Amino acid sequence: MFTFKSKKMLLTLAFCVVSALLVPAIAQAELGGSGSTAARDVAAQRAAKERKLEKKKQEAEAKKAAEAHGGQPAETQTPAVEPKAEPAAQ
């Protein structure tokens, strides 16, 4: 490898190499290199809000449908299944 007779030259070269290696990492950190995690969290929160709004809309529609059908809840319109009588244990 190279031989340097001056410590100043060696220190300057070491500083340049270290800074050249660190500049891309610093630039990535400033631009939000770990932003993918934050973006994923924001997207998850947005999806949760959308699900809540959709659920509220469905509940409101069910309530309107129940009021339109004379006060019967929309979920109970399906015929109820009667439980079968089980033989008594002997």
PDB file of N, CA and C in Angstrom:
ATOM      1  N   MET A   1       0.843  -1.172   0.000  1.00  0.00           N
ATOM      2  CA  MET A   1       0.000   0.000   0.000  1.00  0.00           C
ATOM      3  C   MET A   1       0.884   1.230   0.000  1.00  0.00           C
ATOM      4  N   PHE A   2       0.258   2.389   0.087  1.00  0.00           N
ATOM      5  CA  PHE A   2       1.009   3.628   0.031  1.00  0.00           C
ATOM      6  C   PHE A   2       1.705   3.894   1.356  1.00  0.00           C
ATOM      7  N   THR A   3       2.823   4.558   1.269  1.00  0.00           N
ATOM      8  CA  THR A   3       3.519   4.986   2.487  1.00  0.00           C
ATOM      9  C   THR A   3       3.493   6.510   2.526  1.00  0.00           C
ATOM     10  N   PHE A   4       3.031   7.051   3.639  1.00  0.00           N
ATOM     11  CA  PHE A   4       2.959   8.491   3.807  1.00  0.00           C
ATOM     12  C   PHE A   4       3.979   8.889   4.852  1.00  0.00           C
ATOM     13  N   LYS A   5       4.774   9.882   4.521  1.00  0.00           N
ATOM     14  CA  LYS A   5       5.815  10.324   5.440  1.00  0.00           C
ATOM     15  C   LYS A   5       5.303  11.400   6.391  1.00  0.00           C
ATOM     16  N   SER A   6       4.229  12.065   6.023  1.00  0.00           N
ATOM     17  CA  SER A   6       3.713  13.144   6.849  1.00  0.00           C
ATOM     18  C   SER A   6       2.431  12.699   7.536  1.00  0.00           C
ATOM     19  N   LYS A   7       2.338  12.980   8.832  1.00  0.00           N
ATOM     20  CA  LYS A   7       1.123  12.650   9.572  1.00  0.00           C
ATOM     21  C   LYS A   7      -0.027  13.558   9.148  1.00  0.00           C
ATOM     22  N   LYS A   8       0.286  14.777   8.712  1.00  0.00           N
ATOM     23  CA  LYS A   8      -0.760  15.690   8.254  1.00  0.00           C
ATOM     24  C   LYS A   8      -1.445  15.118   7.016  1.00  0.00           C
ATOM     25  N   MET A   9      -0.655  14.576   6.120  1.00  0.00           N
ATOM     26  CA  MET A   9      -1.227  13.993   4.902  1.00  0.00           C
ATOM     27  C   MET A   9      -2.078  12.777   5.250  1.00  0.00           C
ATOM     28  N   LEU A  10      -1.623  11.959   6.180  1.00  0.00           N
ATOM     29  CA  LEU A  10      -2.368  10.775   6.594  1.00  0.00           C
ATOM     30  C   LEU A  10      -3.684  11.160   7.259  1.00  0.00           C
ATOM     31  N   LEU A  11      -3.670  12.175   8.126  1.00  0.00           N
ATOM     32  CA  LEU A  11      -4.881  12.626   8.789  1.00  0.00           C
ATOM     33  C   LEU A  11      -5.860  13.241   7.790  1.00  0.00           C
ATOM     34  N   THR A  12      -5.355  14.006   6.851  1.00  0.00           N
ATOM     35  CA  THR A  12      -6.215  14.606   5.833  1.00  0.00           C
ATOM     36  C   THR A  12      -6.875  13.528   4.984  1.00  0.00           C
ATOM     37  N   LEU A  13      -6.095  12.561   4.586  1.00  0.00           N
ATOM     38  CA  LEU A  13      -6.634  11.474   3.783  1.00  0.00           C
ATOM     39  C   LEU A  13      -7.666  10.666   4.570  1.00  0.00           C
ATOM     40  N   ALA A  14      -7.414  10.399   5.824  1.00  0.00           N
ATOM     41  CA  ALA A  14      -8.353   9.650   6.660  1.00  0.00           C
ATOM     42  C   ALA A  14      -9.652  10.440   6.834  1.00  0.00           C
ATOM     43  N   PHE A  15      -9.532  11.748   7.027  1.00  0.00           N
ATOM     44  CA  PHE A  15     -10.727  12.579   7.167  1.00  0.00           C
ATOM     45  C   PHE A  15     -11.565  12.551   5.888  1.00  0.00           C
ATOM     46  N   CYS A  16     -10.902  12.647   4.745  1.00  0.00           N
ATOM     47  CA  CYS A  16     -11.625  12.624   3.465  1.00  0.00           C
ATOM     48  C   CYS A  16     -12.335  11.284   3.252  1.00  0.00           C
ATOM     49  N   VAL A  17     -11.679  10.197   3.583  1.00  0.00           N
ATOM     50  CA  VAL A  17     -12.279   8.873   3.400  1.00  0.00           C
ATOM     51  C   VAL A  17     -13.475   8.694   4.322  1.00  0.00           C
ATOM     52  N   VAL A  18     -13.322   9.076   5.584  1.00  0.00           N
ATOM     53  CA  VAL A  18     -14.420   8.925   6.547  1.00  0.00           C
ATOM     54  C   VAL A  18     -15.600   9.805   6.149  1.00  0.00           C
ATOM     55  N   SER A  19     -15.322  11.046   5.754  1.00  0.00           N
ATOM     56  CA  SER A  19     -16.424  11.926   5.374  1.00  0.00           C
ATOM     57  C   SER A  19     -17.103  11.435   4.101  1.00  0.00           C
ATOM     58  N   ALA A  20     -16.351  10.886   3.170  1.00  0.00           N
ATOM     59  CA  ALA A  20     -16.954  10.351   1.943  1.00  0.00           C
ATOM     60  C   ALA A  20     -17.847   9.152   2.245  1.00  0.00           C
ATOM     61  N   LEU A  21     -17.489   8.380   3.253  1.00  0.00           N
ATOM     62  CA  LEU A  21     -18.313   7.238   3.634  1.00  0.00           C
ATOM     63  C   LEU A  21     -19.561   7.657   4.400  1.00  0.00           C
ATOM     64  N   LEU A  22     -19.478   8.759   5.155  1.00  0.00           N
ATOM     65  CA  LEU A  22     -20.608   9.183   5.981  1.00  0.00           C
ATOM     66  C   LEU A  22     -21.599  10.087   5.267  1.00  0.00           C
ATOM     67  N   VAL A  23     -21.198  10.784   4.241  1.00  0.00           N
ATOM     68  CA  VAL A  23     -22.091  11.732   3.569  1.00  0.00           C
ATOM     69  C   VAL A  23     -23.344  11.052   3.023  1.00  0.00           C
ATOM     70  N   PRO A  24     -23.276   9.924   2.350  1.00  0.00           N
ATOM     71  CA  PRO A  24     -24.525   9.310   1.876  1.00  0.00           C
ATOM     72  C   PRO A  24     -25.458   8.903   3.014  1.00  0.00           C
ATOM     73  N   ALA A  25     -24.906   8.434   4.121  1.00  0.00           N
ATOM     74  CA  ALA A  25     -25.741   8.041   5.259  1.00  0.00           C
ATOM     75  C   ALA A  25     -26.419   9.260   5.871  1.00  0.00           C
ATOM     76  N   ILE A  26     -25.708  10.357   5.962  1.00  0.00           N
ATOM     77  CA  ILE A  26     -26.286  11.578   6.528  1.00  0.00           C
ATOM     78  C   ILE A  26     -27.368  12.124   5.597  1.00  0.00           C
ATOM     79  N   ALA A  27     -27.093  12.114   4.302  1.00  0.00           N
ATOM     80  CA  ALA A  27     -28.085  12.608   3.342  1.00  0.00           C
ATOM     81  C   ALA A  27     -29.341  11.744   3.373  1.00  0.00           C
ATOM     82  N   GLN A  28     -29.189  10.455   3.489  1.00  0.00           N
ATOM     83  CA  GLN A  28     -30.344   9.566   3.540  1.00  0.00           C
ATOM     84  C   GLN A  28     -31.154   9.810   4.804  1.00  0.00           C
ATOM     85  N   ALA A  29     -30.486  10.058   5.919  1.00  0.00           N
ATOM     86  CA  ALA A  29     -31.189  10.323   7.170  1.00  0.00           C
ATOM     87  C   ALA A  29     -31.954  11.643   7.085  1.00  0.00           C
ATOM     88  N   GLU A  30     -31.373  12.661   6.443  1.00  0.00           N
ATOM     89  CA  GLU A  30     -32.049  13.945   6.316  1.00  0.00           C
ATOM     90  C   GLU A  30     -33.245  13.860   5.388  1.00  0.00           C
ATOM     91  N   LEU A  31     -33.150  13.046   4.364  1.00  0.00           N
ATOM     92  CA  LEU A  31     -34.244  12.926   3.406  1.00  0.00           C
ATOM     93  C   LEU A  31     -35.327  11.972   3.872  1.00  0.00           C
ATOM     94  N   GLY A  32     -35.150  11.366   5.017  1.00  0.00           N
ATOM     95  CA  GLY A  32     -36.167  10.470   5.538  1.00  0.00           C
ATOM     96  C   GLY A  32     -35.933   9.040   5.127  1.00  0.00           C
ATOM     97  N   GLY A  33     -34.742   8.562   5.264  1.00  0.00           N
ATOM     98  CA  GLY A  33     -34.444   7.183   4.906  1.00  0.00           C
ATOM     99  C   GLY A  33     -35.244   6.199   5.737  1.00  0.00           C
ATOM    100  N   SER A  34     -35.560   6.566   6.965  1.00  0.00           N
ATOM    101  CA  SER A  34     -36.387   5.702   7.802  1.00  0.00           C
ATOM    102  C   SER A  34     -37.856   6.099   7.687  1.00  0.00           C
ATOM    103  N   GLY A  35     -38.164   6.911   6.717  1.00  0.00           N
ATOM    104  CA  GLY A  35     -39.530   7.382   6.521  1.00  0.00           C
ATOM    105  C   GLY A  35     -40.488   6.298   6.093  1.00  0.00           C
ATOM    106  N   SER A  36     -39.966   5.202   5.591  1.00  0.00           N
ATOM    107  CA  SER A  36     -40.870   4.141   5.162  1.00  0.00           C
ATOM    108  C   SER A  36     -41.666   3.595   6.346  1.00  0.00           C
ATOM    109  N   THR A  37     -41.053   3.553   7.503  1.00  0.00           N
ATOM    110  CA  THR A  37     -41.755   3.094   8.700  1.00  0.00           C
ATOM    111  C   THR A  37     -42.841   4.096   9.081  1.00  0.00           C
ATOM    112  N   ALA A  38     -42.501   5.370   9.031  1.00  0.00           N
ATOM    113  CA  ALA A  38     -43.475   6.405   9.366  1.00  0.00           C
ATOM    114  C   ALA A  38     -44.615   6.411   8.349  1.00  0.00           C
ATOM    115  N   ALA A  39     -44.289   6.226   7.095  1.00  0.00           N
ATOM    116  CA  ALA A  39     -45.317   6.203   6.055  1.00  0.00           C
ATOM    117  C   ALA A  39     -46.241   5.006   6.245  1.00  0.00           C
ATOM    118  N   ARG A  40     -45.679   3.889   6.646  1.00  0.00           N
ATOM    119  CA  ARG A  40     -46.485   2.692   6.885  1.00  0.00           C
ATOM    120  C   ARG A  40     -47.432   2.920   8.053  1.00  0.00           C
ATOM    121  N   ASP A  41     -46.941   3.583   9.107  1.00  0.00           N
ATOM    122  CA  ASP A  41     -47.795   3.867  10.265  1.00  0.00           C
ATOM    123  C   ASP A  41     -48.935   4.816   9.894  1.00  0.00           C
ATOM    124  N   VAL A  42     -48.620   5.841   9.103  1.00  0.00           N
ATOM    125  CA  VAL A  42     -49.645   6.792   8.688  1.00  0.00           C
ATOM    126  C   VAL A  42     -50.689   6.091   7.823  1.00  0.00           C
ATOM    127  N   ALA A  43     -50.224   5.222   6.927  1.00  0.00           N
ATOM    128  CA  ALA A  43     -51.159   4.492   6.073  1.00  0.00           C
ATOM    129  C   ALA A  43     -52.058   3.579   6.906  1.00  0.00           C
ATOM    130  N   ALA A  44     -51.504   2.956   7.938  1.00  0.00           N
ATOM    131  CA  ALA A  44     -52.305   2.086   8.801  1.00  0.00           C
ATOM    132  C   ALA A  44     -53.359   2.901   9.558  1.00  0.00           C
ATOM    133  N   GLN A  45     -52.971   4.082  10.038  1.00  0.00           N
ATOM    134  CA  GLN A  45     -53.925   4.937  10.733  1.00  0.00           C
ATOM    135  C   GLN A  45     -55.032   5.396   9.796  1.00  0.00           C
ATOM    136  N   ARG A  46     -54.656   5.750   8.569  1.00  0.00           N
ATOM    137  CA  ARG A  46     -55.641   6.190   7.589  1.00  0.00           C
ATOM    138  C   ARG A  46     -56.613   5.062   7.265  1.00  0.00           C
ATOM    139  N   ALA A  47     -56.093   3.851   7.121  1.00  0.00           N
ATOM    140  CA  ALA A  47     -56.949   2.704   6.830  1.00  0.00           C
ATOM    141  C   ALA A  47     -57.905   2.430   7.989  1.00  0.00           C
ATOM    142  N   ALA A  48     -57.414   2.583   9.224  1.00  0.00           N
ATOM    143  CA  ALA A  48     -58.277   2.374  10.387  1.00  0.00           C
ATOM    144  C   ALA A  48     -59.402   3.406  10.420  1.00  0.00           C
ATOM    145  N   LYS A  49     -59.091   4.654  10.094  1.00  0.00           N
ATOM    146  CA  LYS A  49     -60.130   5.691  10.050  1.00  0.00           C
ATOM    147  C   LYS A  49     -61.160   5.382   8.982  1.00  0.00           C
ATOM    148  N   GLU A  50     -60.675   4.929   7.819  1.00  0.00           N
ATOM    149  CA  GLU A  50     -61.611   4.607   6.741  1.00  0.00           C
ATOM    150  C   GLU A  50     -62.525   3.446   7.134  1.00  0.00           C
ATOM    151  N   ARG A  51     -61.975   2.446   7.832  1.00  0.00           N
ATOM    152  CA  ARG A  51     -62.797   1.330   8.287  1.00  0.00           C
ATOM    153  C   ARG A  51     -63.860   1.798   9.272  1.00  0.00           C
ATOM    154  N   LYS A  52     -63.482   2.700  10.187  1.00  0.00           N
ATOM    155  CA  LYS A  52     -64.444   3.222  11.155  1.00  0.00           C
ATOM    156  C   LYS A  52     -65.555   3.986  10.457  1.00  0.00           C
ATOM    157  N   LEU A  53     -65.181   4.815   9.463  1.00  0.00           N
ATOM    158  CA  LEU A  53     -66.195   5.575   8.738  1.00  0.00           C
ATOM    159  C   LEU A  53     -67.125   4.651   7.960  1.00  0.00           C
ATOM    160  N   GLU A  54     -66.561   3.619   7.356  1.00  0.00           N
ATOM    161  CA  GLU A  54     -67.391   2.658   6.614  1.00  0.00           C
ATOM    162  C   GLU A  54     -68.351   1.938   7.551  1.00  0.00           C
ATOM    163  N   LYS A  55     -67.870   1.583   8.738  1.00  0.00           N
ATOM    164  CA  LYS A  55     -68.718   0.901   9.712  1.00  0.00           C
ATOM    165  C   LYS A  55     -69.851   1.822  10.167  1.00  0.00           C
ATOM    166  N   LYS A  56     -69.533   3.093  10.391  1.00  0.00           N
ATOM    167  CA  LYS A  56     -70.564   4.040  10.793  1.00  0.00           C
ATOM    168  C   LYS A  56     -71.606   4.225   9.695  1.00  0.00           C
ATOM    169  N   LYS A  57     -71.131   4.255   8.435  1.00  0.00           N
ATOM    170  CA  LYS A  57     -72.069   4.387   7.322  1.00  0.00           C
ATOM    171  C   LYS A  57     -72.997   3.182   7.247  1.00  0.00           C
ATOM    172  N   GLN A  58     -72.441   1.997   7.424  1.00  0.00           N
ATOM    173  CA  GLN A  58     -73.258   0.784   7.380  1.00  0.00           C
ATOM    174  C   GLN A  58     -74.271   0.766   8.511  1.00  0.00           C
ATOM    175  N   GLU A  59     -73.857   1.179   9.701  1.00  0.00           N
ATOM    176  CA  GLU A  59     -74.776   1.222  10.835  1.00  0.00           C
ATOM    177  C   GLU A  59     -75.891   2.241  10.584  1.00  0.00           C
ATOM    178  N   ALA A  60     -75.544   3.382   9.996  1.00  0.00           N
ATOM    179  CA  ALA A  60     -76.559   4.398   9.708  1.00  0.00           C
ATOM    180  C   ALA A  60     -77.541   3.887   8.660  1.00  0.00           C
ATOM    181  N   GLU A  61     -77.033   3.207   7.636  1.00  0.00           N
ATOM    182  CA  GLU A  61     -77.917   2.649   6.619  1.00  0.00           C
ATOM    183  C   GLU A  61     -78.829   1.576   7.216  1.00  0.00           C
ATOM    184  N   ALA A  62     -78.292   0.751   8.093  1.00  0.00           N
ATOM    185  CA  ALA A  62     -79.102  -0.284   8.736  1.00  0.00           C
ATOM    186  C   ALA A  62     -80.176   0.352   9.607  1.00  0.00           C
ATOM    187  N   LYS A  63     -79.825   1.442  10.273  1.00  0.00           N
ATOM    188  CA  LYS A  63     -80.791   2.124  11.128  1.00  0.00           C
ATOM    189  C   LYS A  63     -81.908   2.747  10.286  1.00  0.00           C
ATOM    190  N   LYS A  64     -81.531   3.349   9.152  1.00  0.00           N
ATOM    191  CA  LYS A  64     -82.538   3.925   8.264  1.00  0.00           C
ATOM    192  C   LYS A  64     -83.437   2.840   7.690  1.00  0.00           C
ATOM    193  N   ALA A  65     -82.844   1.718   7.325  1.00  0.00           N
ATOM    194  CA  ALA A  65     -83.633   0.616   6.781  1.00  0.00           C
ATOM    195  C   ALA A  65     -84.578   0.062   7.841  1.00  0.00           C
ATOM    196  N   ALA A  66     -84.130   0.012   9.094  1.00  0.00           N
ATOM    197  CA  ALA A  66     -84.980  -0.483  10.171  1.00  0.00           C
ATOM    198  C   ALA A  66     -86.146   0.459  10.415  1.00  0.00           C
ATOM    199  N   GLU A  67     -85.904   1.751  10.345  1.00  0.00           N
ATOM    200  CA  GLU A  67     -86.979   2.718  10.533  1.00  0.00           C
ATOM    201  C   GLU A  67     -87.970   2.652   9.375  1.00  0.00           C
ATOM    202  N   ALA A  68     -87.467   2.390   8.190  1.00  0.00           N
ATOM    203  CA  ALA A  68     -88.338   2.317   7.019  1.00  0.00           C
ATOM    204  C   ALA A  68     -89.213   1.063   7.053  1.00  0.00           C
ATOM    205  N   HIS A  69     -88.785   0.007   7.705  1.00  0.00           N
ATOM    206  CA  HIS A  69     -89.525  -1.252   7.781  1.00  0.00           C
ATOM    207  C   HIS A  69     -90.376  -1.352   9.044  1.00  0.00           C
ATOM    208  N   GLY A  70     -90.732  -0.249   9.596  1.00  0.00           N
ATOM    209  CA  GLY A  70     -91.643  -0.256  10.734  1.00  0.00           C
ATOM    210  C   GLY A  70     -90.972  -0.553  12.068  1.00  0.00           C
ATOM    211  N   GLY A  71     -89.726  -0.209  12.222  1.00  0.00           N
ATOM    212  CA  GLY A  71     -89.065  -0.374  13.503  1.00  0.00           C
ATOM    213  C   GLY A  71     -88.434  -1.726  13.730  1.00  0.00           C
ATOM    214  N   GLN A  72     -88.488  -2.595  12.744  1.00  0.00           N
ATOM    215  CA  GLN A  72     -87.830  -3.891  12.921  1.00  0.00           C
ATOM    216  C   GLN A  72     -86.355  -3.748  12.556  1.00  0.00           C
ATOM    217  N   PRO A  73     -85.460  -4.248  13.391  1.00  0.00           N
ATOM    218  CA  PRO A  73     -84.036  -4.169  13.052  1.00  0.00           C
ATOM    219  C   PRO A  73     -83.737  -4.965  11.784  1.00  0.00           C
ATOM    220  N   ALA A  74     -82.809  -4.473  10.994  1.00  0.00           N
ATOM    221  CA  ALA A  74     -82.484  -5.110   9.717  1.00  0.00           C
ATOM    222  C   ALA A  74     -81.835  -6.482   9.925  1.00  0.00           C
ATOM    223  N   GLU A  75     -81.145  -6.691  11.031  1.00  0.00           N
ATOM    224  CA  GLU A  75     -80.466  -7.956  11.269  1.00  0.00           C
ATOM    225  C   GLU A  75     -81.439  -9.094  11.594  1.00  0.00           C
ATOM    226  N   THR A  76     -82.638  -8.781  12.110  1.00  0.00           N
ATOM    227  CA  THR A  76     -83.570  -9.831  12.528  1.00  0.00           C
ATOM    228  C   THR A  76     -84.564 -10.201  11.436  1.00  0.00           C
ATOM    229  N   GLN A  77     -84.375  -9.732  10.231  1.00  0.00           N
ATOM    230  CA  GLN A  77     -85.300 -10.050   9.160  1.00  0.00           C
ATOM    231  C   GLN A  77     -85.155 -11.491   8.681  1.00  0.00           C
ATOM    232  N   THR A  78     -84.024 -12.113   8.919  1.00  0.00           N
ATOM    233  CA  THR A  78     -83.851 -13.507   8.527  1.00  0.00           C
ATOM    234  C   THR A  78     -84.643 -14.382   9.489  1.00  0.00           C
ATOM    235  N   PRO A  79     -85.237 -15.459   8.996  1.00  0.00           N
ATOM    236  CA  PRO A  79     -86.036 -16.309   9.880  1.00  0.00           C
ATOM    237  C   PRO A  79     -85.160 -16.986  10.935  1.00  0.00           C
ATOM    238  N   ALA A  80     -85.672 -17.031  12.127  1.00  0.00           N
ATOM    239  CA  ALA A  80     -84.927 -17.639  13.227  1.00  0.00           C
ATOM    240  C   ALA A  80     -85.019 -19.156  13.129  1.00  0.00           C
ATOM    241  N   VAL A  81     -83.943 -19.833  13.437  1.00  0.00           N
ATOM    242  CA  VAL A  81     -83.921 -21.291  13.419  1.00  0.00           C
ATOM    243  C   VAL A  81     -84.284 -21.771  14.812  1.00  0.00           C
ATOM    244  N   GLU A  82     -85.312 -22.614  14.878  1.00  0.00           N
ATOM    245  CA  GLU A  82     -85.733 -23.122  16.174  1.00  0.00           C
ATOM    246  C   GLU A  82     -84.790 -24.233  16.610  1.00  0.00           C
ATOM    247  N   PRO A  83     -84.403 -24.233  17.886  1.00  0.00           N
ATOM    248  CA  PRO A  83     -83.513 -25.298  18.344  1.00  0.00           C
ATOM    249  C   PRO A  83     -84.265 -26.629  18.380  1.00  0.00           C
ATOM    250  N   LYS A  84     -83.590 -27.673  17.982  1.00  0.00           N
ATOM    251  CA  LYS A  84     -84.210 -29.009  17.984  1.00  0.00           C
ATOM    252  C   LYS A  84     -84.242 -29.533  19.402  1.00  0.00           C
ATOM    253  N   ALA A  85     -85.339 -30.217  19.695  1.00  0.00           N
ATOM    254  CA  ALA A  85     -85.478 -30.799  21.045  1.00  0.00           C
ATOM    255  C   ALA A  85     -84.551 -32.020  21.145  1.00  0.00           C
ATOM    256  N   GLU A  86     -83.721 -32.010  22.150  1.00  0.00           N
ATOM    257  CA  GLU A  86     -82.800 -33.133  22.344  1.00  0.00           C
ATOM    258  C   GLU A  86     -83.473 -34.180  23.220  1.00  0.00           C
ATOM    259  N   PRO A  87     -83.248 -35.455  22.956  1.00  0.00           N
ATOM    260  CA  PRO A  87     -83.842 -36.494  23.820  1.00  0.00           C
ATOM    261  C   PRO A  87     -83.262 -36.396  25.242  1.00  0.00           C
ATOM    262  N   ALA A  88     -84.112 -36.640  26.181  1.00  0.00           N
ATOM    263  CA  ALA A  88     -83.698 -36.549  27.589  1.00  0.00           C
ATOM    264  C   ALA A  88     -82.684 -37.629  27.893  1.00  0.00           C
ATOM    265  N   ALA A  89     -81.701 -37.302  28.684  1.00  0.00           N
ATOM    266  CA  ALA A  89     -80.675 -38.286  29.058  1.00  0.00           C
ATOM    267  C   ALA A  89     -81.262 -39.286  30.047  1.00  0.00           C
ATOM    268  N   GLN A  90     -81.008 -40.553  29.852  1.00  0.00           N
ATOM    269  CA  GLN A  90     -81.575 -41.584  30.716  1.00  0.00           C
ATOM    270  C   GLN A  90     -80.590 -42.055  31.737  1.00  0.00           C
TER     271      GLN A  90
END
